Amino acid sequence: MLNQVQVGSSREQVELVLGSPSTTSSLNGDAYYYISQKTATTAFFAPDIVEQRVVAVYFDKDGYAQDIGNYTLEDGKIVDIVTRKTRTGGADYGFLTQILKGATNPGLGL
C-alpha cells in the first residue's frame, strides 16, 4: 500500500491509502507518522522490540506530500509509544518522604 503514496499526493489521498496516522507533527511543516512495532516476550520478562518501522510523510504548506521517509530500528533509538509519561527533572519522593519534608518546612502551616 505504501507504493500507492507518491510525492505530490494530497493529505486526503495519504489518509485514504494508509489510514489515520499514529501521530502527527507541525514542526517545520506538517508530517504524518505511521509507526509499527513487533515484540518478542521471554517468560515473565518485559517484551523486547525486535522490529520497528516508521513511515513519515512530509507535507508542504499546501497539503501535498513533498517527501516520504521509511525508517527502521537501525535508523535510531527505540520509540516508546505506549507509556505516554514524561519524566521530570525532580526527584521521585515517596509518600512518607513528602510528609516528613512538609513537616520540616515552616511555610506549610503544619
Protein backbone atom coordinates (compact mmCIF):
# COMPACT_ATOMS: atom_id res chain seq x y z
CA MET A 1 0.00 0.00 0.00
CA LEU A 2 2.95 2.29 0.62
CA ASN A 3 3.74 2.19 -3.11
CA GLN A 4 0.40 3.92 -3.75
CA VAL A 5 1.57 7.01 -1.83
CA GLN A 6 3.73 9.17 -4.06
CA VAL A 7 5.32 12.60 -3.73
CA GLY A 8 2.59 15.03 -4.79
CA SER A 9 -0.25 13.04 -3.17
CA SER A 10 -2.73 15.12 -1.21
CA ARG A 11 -3.21 14.72 2.53
CA GLU A 12 -6.62 13.13 1.86
CA GLN A 13 -5.12 10.60 -0.58
CA VAL A 14 -2.50 9.60 2.01
CA GLU A 15 -5.21 9.05 4.64
CA LEU A 16 -7.33 7.01 2.21
CA VAL A 17 -4.42 4.68 1.42
CA LEU A 18 -2.61 4.43 4.79
CA GLY A 19 -5.43 5.34 7.19
CA SER A 20 -5.16 7.66 10.17
CA PRO A 21 -1.58 8.34 11.24
CA SER A 22 -0.18 7.08 14.55
CA THR A 23 0.89 10.64 15.32
CA THR A 24 1.35 13.96 13.56
CA SER A 25 3.74 16.88 13.78
CA SER A 26 3.55 20.51 12.75
CA LEU A 27 7.18 21.44 13.48
CA ASN A 28 8.95 22.62 10.32
CA GLY A 29 5.88 21.76 8.24
CA ASP A 30 3.19 19.13 8.65
CA ALA A 31 4.03 15.44 8.82
CA TYR A 32 2.17 12.18 9.36
CA TYR A 33 3.92 9.29 11.12
CA TYR A 34 2.79 5.67 10.81
CA ILE A 35 4.50 3.58 13.49
CA SER A 36 4.52 -0.21 13.83
CA GLN A 37 6.47 -2.45 16.21
CA LYS A 38 6.93 -6.19 16.63
CA THR A 39 7.88 -7.51 20.06
CA ALA A 40 9.09 -10.81 21.48
CA THR A 41 8.47 -11.94 25.03
CA THR A 42 10.59 -14.36 27.03
CA ALA A 43 8.93 -15.90 30.09
CA PHE A 44 7.97 -13.13 32.52
CA PHE A 45 10.44 -10.50 31.25
CA ALA A 46 9.32 -7.26 29.63
CA PRO A 47 8.81 -7.55 25.88
CA ASP A 48 11.75 -6.66 23.63
CA ILE A 49 11.19 -4.68 20.44
CA VAL A 50 12.62 -6.79 17.62
CA GLU A 51 11.35 -4.77 14.68
CA GLN A 52 10.21 -1.18 14.35
CA ARG A 53 9.11 0.70 11.27
CA VAL A 54 8.20 4.36 10.95
CA VAL A 55 6.81 5.74 7.72
CA ALA A 56 6.89 9.53 7.67
CA VAL A 57 5.00 11.57 5.09
CA TYR A 58 6.08 15.22 5.00
CA PHE A 59 3.66 17.78 3.54
CA ASP A 60 4.26 21.19 2.02
CA LYS A 61 2.28 24.28 3.02
CA ASP A 62 -0.46 23.42 0.51
CA GLY A 63 -1.05 19.94 1.95
CA TYR A 64 0.73 17.83 -0.67
CA ALA A 65 3.36 15.17 0.10
CA GLN A 66 6.81 16.59 -0.57
CA ASP A 67 8.86 13.71 0.86
CA ILE A 68 8.35 10.21 2.24
CA GLY A 69 10.70 8.63 4.78
CA ASN A 70 10.90 4.97 5.71
CA TYR A 71 12.82 4.30 8.93
CA THR A 72 13.66 1.06 10.75
CA LEU A 73 15.04 0.15 14.17
CA GLU A 74 18.57 0.50 12.81
CA ASP A 75 17.93 4.17 11.93
CA GLY A 76 17.55 5.37 15.51
CA LYS A 77 16.60 4.65 19.07
CA ILE A 78 13.52 2.75 20.15
CA VAL A 79 10.42 4.92 20.42
CA ASP A 80 8.16 4.07 23.33
CA ILE A 81 4.70 4.98 22.06
CA VAL A 82 2.73 3.30 24.83
CA THR A 83 3.60 4.83 28.21
CA ARG A 84 2.81 8.47 27.44
CA LYS A 85 4.76 9.53 30.54
CA THR A 86 7.25 12.34 30.69
CA ARG A 87 9.84 12.16 33.44
CA THR A 88 10.55 15.36 35.26
CA GLY A 89 13.95 16.57 36.37
CA GLY A 90 12.98 16.42 40.07
CA ALA A 91 13.44 13.53 42.45
CA ASP A 92 10.75 10.91 42.98
CA TYR A 93 9.80 11.17 46.64
CA GLY A 94 7.63 8.57 48.30
CA PHE A 95 4.57 9.43 50.37
CA LEU A 96 6.37 9.27 53.74
CA THR A 97 9.26 11.41 52.49
CA GLN A 98 6.81 14.05 51.27
CA ILE A 99 5.09 14.09 54.69
CA LEU A 100 8.41 14.45 56.54
CA LYS A 101 9.63 17.18 54.18
CA GLY A 102 6.36 19.05 54.66
CA ALA A 103 6.57 18.78 58.48
CA THR A 104 10.03 20.35 58.50
CA ASN A 105 9.01 23.23 56.21
CA PRO A 106 7.57 26.04 58.38
CA GLY A 107 5.93 27.69 55.35
CA LEU A 108 3.33 24.92 55.03
CA GLY A 109 1.50 25.79 58.27
CA LEU A 110 1.64 22.32 59.83
